[in-house]
Amino acid sequence: MSGPRDRPDNRQRAATRLIAAAFTVTILSALGLAAVYVAGGQVQAEGALLASSLAGLGAGLVMWAAHLLPAGSVIGPREPLESTPQEREDFEQAFEHGEELLARRRFLVRMLGAAAGALGIAALFPIRSLGPSPGRSLTTTAWRKGLRLTTQSGDPVNIADLQVGGVLTVFPAGHPSAATAQTLLIRVEPGRLRPRAGRERWSPIGYVAYSKICTHAGCPVGLYRADDHRLLCPCHQSTFDVLDGAKPVFGPATRSLPQLPLAVDGDGYLVAQSDFTEPIGPSFWNRS
């Protein structure tokens, strides 16, 4: 009886070795993928290593299911039966054989865990390609208390520089390239402004400043109609009322442009009282 029992056992041993070899391919390929990425990357090599690691994992799982997992349904009678000596001997041999199979399965489970772990480690490295974390860059800008308003060339803005109806793009002093801090400075008749509660001292002598980044899709709001005090976004025609806190009055934008609180320093130059008090840019940035 040993011959018939050995033949399927040999097949299972061979299948175990093949499955372990497939998982080893996955482990080595995943580690190679990580090494290539750390070394500077090479697209063709990374693609080949990723393909071989996934192929090894898939082949191992397929062979496991085909050769080591039970197939079909097994139904046996549940009535109590007496066992003959030969049946008891057969059961002992089958039990010992099953114990060996369980040991093989534990080995394969460890190999599968190692393969999946190596592939997972390799998958972590490309996260670096996403760039640095945005941190608080979506909720803060370079504006700080006391920073002068300057042109892109770095010239500070004096209270005498703009006439009523004038408009100028300004940046915080020392940060002429801060895209998120770009601000539209507009001068209107002081008596025409309708400041919101708490903003009564944000617009000295009719100067009012709003973020230049549209709250709809982030386009630059660069068109000012002085006759009706409207700011227009050229991308999707969102329109904002300058006199009423840059409230949207037309188009897809649903949120007002953030207002920068202004003051005048001892030399007559316009300065920021603080950063914007709300996030700049598209409204989806504010969703949590």
Protein backbone atom coordinates (compact mmCIF):
# COMPACT_ATOMS: atom_id res chain seq x y z
CA MET A 1 0.00 0.00 0.00
CA SER A 2 2.98 2.31 0.30
CA GLY A 3 3.37 2.72 -3.45
CA PRO A 4 -0.07 4.28 -4.19
CA ARG A 5 0.28 6.54 -1.14
CA ASP A 6 3.71 7.75 -2.18
CA ARG A 7 2.74 8.86 -5.67
CA PRO A 8 0.34 11.70 -4.66
CA ASP A 9 2.68 12.57 -1.79
CA ASN A 10 5.56 13.00 -4.23
CA ARG A 11 3.39 15.18 -6.42
CA GLN A 12 2.52 17.34 -3.44
CA ARG A 13 6.19 17.61 -2.48
CA ALA A 14 7.03 18.70 -6.00
CA ALA A 15 4.16 21.19 -5.97
CA THR A 16 5.40 22.60 -2.65
CA ARG A 17 8.85 23.15 -4.10
CA LEU A 18 7.43 24.87 -7.18
CA ILE A 19 5.21 27.13 -5.08
CA ALA A 20 8.11 28.04 -2.82
CA ALA A 21 10.22 28.80 -5.91
CA ALA A 22 7.49 31.06 -7.29
CA PHE A 23 7.26 32.98 -4.03
CA THR A 24 11.06 33.24 -3.94
CA VAL A 25 10.92 34.87 -7.39
CA THR A 26 8.45 37.38 -5.98
CA ILE A 27 10.67 38.14 -2.97
CA LEU A 28 13.84 38.59 -5.02
CA SER A 29 12.09 40.64 -7.72
CA ALA A 30 10.44 42.92 -5.15
CA LEU A 31 13.74 43.51 -3.36
CA GLY A 32 15.38 44.17 -6.73
CA LEU A 33 12.65 46.66 -7.57
CA ALA A 34 13.29 48.52 -4.33
CA ALA A 35 17.04 48.54 -4.97
CA VAL A 36 16.64 49.88 -8.52
CA TYR A 37 14.33 52.63 -7.30
CA VAL A 38 16.69 53.69 -4.52
CA ALA A 39 19.62 53.70 -6.96
CA GLY A 40 17.91 56.29 -9.13
CA GLY A 41 15.38 54.26 -11.05
CA GLN A 42 15.24 52.79 -14.54
CA VAL A 43 11.79 52.45 -16.05
CA GLN A 44 12.38 49.26 -18.07
CA ALA A 45 14.09 47.46 -15.19
CA GLU A 46 11.41 48.53 -12.72
CA GLY A 47 8.67 47.34 -15.06
CA ALA A 48 10.32 43.96 -15.59
CA LEU A 49 10.92 43.43 -11.87
CA LEU A 50 7.37 44.43 -10.97
CA ALA A 51 5.98 42.07 -13.63
CA SER A 52 8.11 39.14 -12.44
CA SER A 53 7.22 39.74 -8.79
CA LEU A 54 3.50 39.79 -9.54
CA ALA A 55 3.83 36.80 -11.88
CA GLY A 56 5.62 34.77 -9.21
CA LEU A 57 2.97 35.62 -6.62
CA GLY A 58 0.15 34.75 -9.01
CA ALA A 59 1.77 31.50 -10.16
CA GLY A 60 2.36 30.40 -6.59
CA LEU A 61 -1.24 31.02 -5.59
CA VAL A 62 -2.59 29.23 -8.67
CA MET A 63 -0.41 26.15 -8.08
CA TRP A 64 -1.37 26.15 -4.41
CA ALA A 65 -5.06 26.09 -5.30
CA ALA A 66 -4.58 23.48 -8.03
CA HIS A 67 -2.37 20.97 -6.21
CA LEU A 68 -2.69 21.40 -2.46
CA LEU A 69 -6.24 22.50 -1.73
CA PRO A 70 -9.00 19.88 -1.63
CA ALA A 71 -11.12 19.73 -4.78
CA GLY A 72 -14.85 19.08 -4.89
CA SER A 73 -17.18 18.15 -2.08
CA VAL A 74 -16.47 15.29 0.31
CA ILE A 75 -19.48 13.69 1.96
CA GLY A 76 -19.20 10.82 4.37
CA PRO A 77 -21.75 8.87 6.44
CA ARG A 78 -22.04 9.87 10.06
CA GLU A 79 -23.40 6.57 11.43
CA PRO A 80 -21.13 4.88 14.00
CA LEU A 81 -19.12 2.06 12.41
CA GLU A 82 -16.72 -0.41 13.87
CA SER A 83 -13.15 -0.12 12.68
CA THR A 84 -11.17 -3.09 11.57
CA PRO A 85 -7.47 -3.36 12.48
CA GLN A 86 -6.57 -2.56 8.88
CA GLU A 87 -8.74 0.59 8.94
CA ARG A 88 -7.13 1.76 12.17
CA GLU A 89 -3.69 1.23 10.65
CA ASP A 90 -4.73 3.15 7.57
CA PHE A 91 -6.02 5.99 9.75
CA GLU A 92 -2.73 6.23 11.65
CA GLN A 93 -0.80 6.43 8.41
CA ALA A 94 -3.19 9.04 7.02
CA PHE A 95 -2.91 11.09 10.22
CA GLU A 96 0.87 11.05 10.09
CA HIS A 97 0.71 11.99 6.43
CA GLY A 98 -1.67 14.87 7.25
CA GLU A 99 0.69 16.15 9.94
CA GLU A 100 3.46 16.32 7.34
CA LEU A 101 1.13 18.17 4.98
CA LEU A 102 0.32 20.70 7.70
CA ALA A 103 4.01 21.35 8.21
CA ARG A 104 4.36 22.01 4.49
CA ARG A 105 1.41 24.36 4.55
CA ARG A 106 2.96 26.35 7.39
CA PHE A 107 6.14 26.65 5.34
CA LEU A 108 4.18 27.87 2.32
CA VAL A 109 2.19 30.34 4.43
CA ARG A 110 5.47 31.80 5.70
CA MET A 111 6.76 32.01 2.13
CA LEU A 112 3.55 33.70 1.02
CA GLY A 113 3.86 36.20 3.88
CA ALA A 114 7.48 36.92 2.97
CA ALA A 115 6.55 37.40 -0.72
CA ALA A 116 3.67 39.73 0.08
CA GLY A 117 5.80 41.63 2.59
CA ALA A 118 8.66 42.13 0.13
CA LEU A 119 6.25 43.31 -2.54
CA GLY A 120 4.62 45.68 -0.06
CA ILE A 121 8.00 47.14 0.93
CA ALA A 122 8.87 47.71 -2.73
CA ALA A 123 5.53 49.43 -3.25
CA LEU A 124 6.32 51.92 -0.49
CA PHE A 125 9.33 53.45 -2.26
CA PRO A 126 7.38 55.13 -5.13
CA ILE A 127 5.50 57.13 -2.49
CA ARG A 128 8.57 59.41 -2.50
CA SER A 129 7.73 60.30 -6.09
CA LEU A 130 4.56 62.01 -4.92
CA GLY A 131 6.70 64.86 -3.65
CA PRO A 132 6.75 66.52 -0.24
CA SER A 133 3.68 66.64 1.94
CA PRO A 134 1.68 69.83 1.40
CA GLY A 135 1.53 70.35 5.17
CA ARG A 136 -0.32 73.59 5.92
CA SER A 137 0.46 75.13 2.53
CA LEU A 138 -3.21 74.96 1.51
CA THR A 139 -4.36 76.90 4.56
CA THR A 140 -1.56 79.45 5.06
CA THR A 141 0.46 81.80 2.85
CA ALA A 142 3.62 83.89 3.20
CA TRP A 143 1.72 86.91 4.54
CA ARG A 144 2.59 87.84 8.12
CA LYS A 145 1.82 90.74 10.43
CA GLY A 146 3.81 93.84 9.51
CA LEU A 147 5.02 92.65 6.09
CA ARG A 148 4.84 95.38 3.50
CA LEU A 149 2.89 94.97 0.29
CA THR A 150 5.33 94.97 -2.61
CA THR A 151 5.17 94.65 -6.37
CA GLN A 152 6.70 91.60 -8.04
CA SER A 153 9.87 93.63 -8.55
CA GLY A 154 10.07 94.17 -4.79
CA ASP A 155 9.01 97.83 -4.58
CA PRO A 156 6.89 98.64 -1.51
CA VAL A 157 3.47 100.13 -2.09
CA ASN A 158 2.81 103.59 -0.67
CA ILE A 159 -0.66 104.90 0.07
CA ALA A 160 -0.15 107.48 -2.67
CA ASP A 161 0.69 104.96 -5.40
CA LEU A 162 -2.86 104.10 -6.50
CA GLN A 163 -5.67 106.40 -7.46
CA VAL A 164 -9.32 105.49 -6.87
CA GLY A 165 -10.17 102.74 -9.37
CA GLY A 166 -6.57 101.53 -9.55
CA VAL A 167 -5.60 97.88 -9.14
CA LEU A 168 -2.23 96.22 -8.55
CA THR A 169 -1.00 92.66 -7.94
CA VAL A 170 1.08 92.60 -4.76
CA PHE A 171 3.15 90.12 -2.78
CA PRO A 172 4.49 90.00 0.78
CA ALA A 173 7.89 91.69 1.12
CA GLY A 174 10.66 89.18 0.52
CA HIS A 175 8.36 86.67 -1.20
CA PRO A 176 7.89 87.89 -4.79
CA SER A 177 7.49 84.33 -6.08
CA ALA A 178 4.95 83.11 -3.51
CA ALA A 179 2.16 82.04 -5.87
CA THR A 180 -0.36 81.32 -3.11
CA ALA A 181 0.22 84.79 -1.61
CA GLN A 182 -0.49 86.80 -4.76
CA THR A 183 -3.07 89.42 -3.91
CA LEU A 184 -5.08 92.04 -5.75
CA LEU A 185 -4.84 95.49 -4.20
CA ILE A 186 -7.69 97.80 -5.21
CA ARG A 187 -8.48 101.36 -4.21
CA VAL A 188 -12.12 102.42 -4.05
CA GLU A 189 -14.02 105.30 -2.52
CA PRO A 190 -13.88 104.63 1.26
CA GLY A 191 -17.56 105.36 1.73
CA ARG A 192 -18.60 102.75 -0.84
CA LEU A 193 -17.21 99.76 1.03
CA ARG A 194 -19.59 97.53 3.00
CA PRO A 195 -17.20 95.75 5.38
CA ARG A 196 -18.33 92.60 7.11
CA ALA A 197 -18.45 92.37 10.87
CA GLY A 198 -14.96 92.45 12.32
CA ARG A 199 -13.40 93.85 9.12
CA GLU A 200 -14.12 97.53 9.68
CA ARG A 201 -10.39 98.34 10.05
CA TRP A 202 -9.10 96.15 7.20
CA SER A 203 -9.34 98.76 4.42
CA PRO A 204 -7.48 102.01 5.26
CA ILE A 205 -8.44 105.01 3.06
CA GLY A 206 -10.29 102.78 0.62
CA TYR A 207 -7.54 100.23 -0.02
CA VAL A 208 -8.90 96.70 -0.07
CA ALA A 209 -6.98 93.49 -0.84
CA TYR A 210 -8.28 90.09 -1.93
CA SER A 211 -6.59 86.83 -2.84
CA LYS A 212 -6.02 86.61 -6.58
CA ILE A 213 -6.75 82.86 -6.63
CA CYS A 214 -10.33 82.07 -7.62
CA THR A 215 -12.30 80.02 -5.12
CA HIS A 216 -13.81 77.95 -7.91
CA ALA A 217 -10.89 76.30 -9.73
CA GLY A 218 -7.83 78.30 -8.70
CA CYS A 219 -7.49 80.48 -11.80
CA PRO A 220 -6.05 84.01 -11.39
CA VAL A 221 -8.76 86.60 -10.89
CA GLY A 222 -7.14 89.42 -12.85
CA LEU A 223 -9.90 91.46 -14.48
CA TYR A 224 -11.31 94.46 -12.57
CA ARG A 225 -14.25 96.53 -13.77
CA ALA A 226 -13.93 99.81 -11.92
CA ASP A 227 -17.29 101.15 -13.10
CA ASP A 228 -19.28 98.53 -11.18
CA HIS A 229 -16.53 97.35 -8.78
CA ARG A 230 -16.50 93.76 -10.03
CA LEU A 231 -13.63 91.28 -10.18
CA LEU A 232 -13.87 88.68 -12.95
CA CYS A 233 -12.19 85.31 -13.34
CA PRO A 234 -11.43 84.73 -17.05
CA CYS A 235 -11.56 80.94 -16.79
CA HIS A 236 -15.22 80.35 -15.92
CA GLN A 237 -16.56 83.90 -15.59
CA SER A 238 -16.99 83.88 -11.82
CA THR A 239 -17.67 87.48 -10.74
CA PHE A 240 -17.04 88.98 -7.30
CA ASP A 241 -18.34 92.17 -5.68
CA VAL A 242 -15.34 94.17 -4.42
CA LEU A 243 -17.48 96.43 -2.24
CA ASP A 244 -19.13 93.51 -0.44
CA GLY A 245 -16.20 91.38 0.69
CA ALA A 246 -15.61 89.93 -2.81
CA LYS A 247 -18.86 88.00 -2.56
CA PRO A 248 -19.56 85.90 -5.70
CA VAL A 249 -22.45 87.38 -7.69
CA PHE A 250 -22.16 85.36 -10.90
CA GLY A 251 -20.60 82.16 -12.18
CA PRO A 252 -19.71 78.83 -10.55
CA ALA A 253 -17.75 80.18 -7.56
CA THR A 254 -19.66 79.79 -4.30
CA ARG A 255 -17.21 81.31 -1.82
CA SER A 256 -15.94 84.86 -1.45
CA LEU A 257 -12.33 85.68 -2.22
CA PRO A 258 -10.38 85.74 1.07
CA GLN A 259 -9.61 89.29 2.20
CA LEU A 260 -6.20 90.39 3.46
CA PRO A 261 -6.40 92.77 6.44
CA LEU A 262 -4.40 95.94 5.70
CA ALA A 263 -2.84 98.75 7.72
CA VAL A 264 -0.48 101.67 7.08
CA ASP A 265 2.94 101.82 8.76
CA GLY A 266 4.68 104.94 10.04
CA ASP A 267 6.27 105.62 6.65
CA GLY A 268 3.02 105.55 4.74
CA TYR A 269 3.46 102.09 3.26
CA LEU A 270 0.72 99.48 3.21
CA VAL A 271 1.36 96.43 5.40
CA ALA A 272 -0.56 93.27 6.29
CA GLN A 273 -2.18 92.98 9.68
CA SER A 274 -1.90 89.18 9.43
CA ASP A 275 -2.17 86.33 6.96
CA PHE A 276 -5.51 85.62 5.31
CA THR A 277 -7.95 84.52 7.97
CA GLU A 278 -9.37 81.72 5.78
CA PRO A 279 -7.89 79.28 3.26
CA ILE A 280 -7.20 80.67 -0.18
CA GLY A 281 -8.04 78.94 -3.45
CA PRO A 282 -10.67 76.41 -4.51
CA SER A 283 -13.33 75.48 -2.01
CA PHE A 284 -12.53 71.74 -2.28
CA TRP A 285 -9.26 72.44 -0.42
CA ASN A 286 -11.33 73.17 2.67
CA ARG A 287 -13.26 69.94 2.70
CA SER A 288 -12.42 67.49 5.44
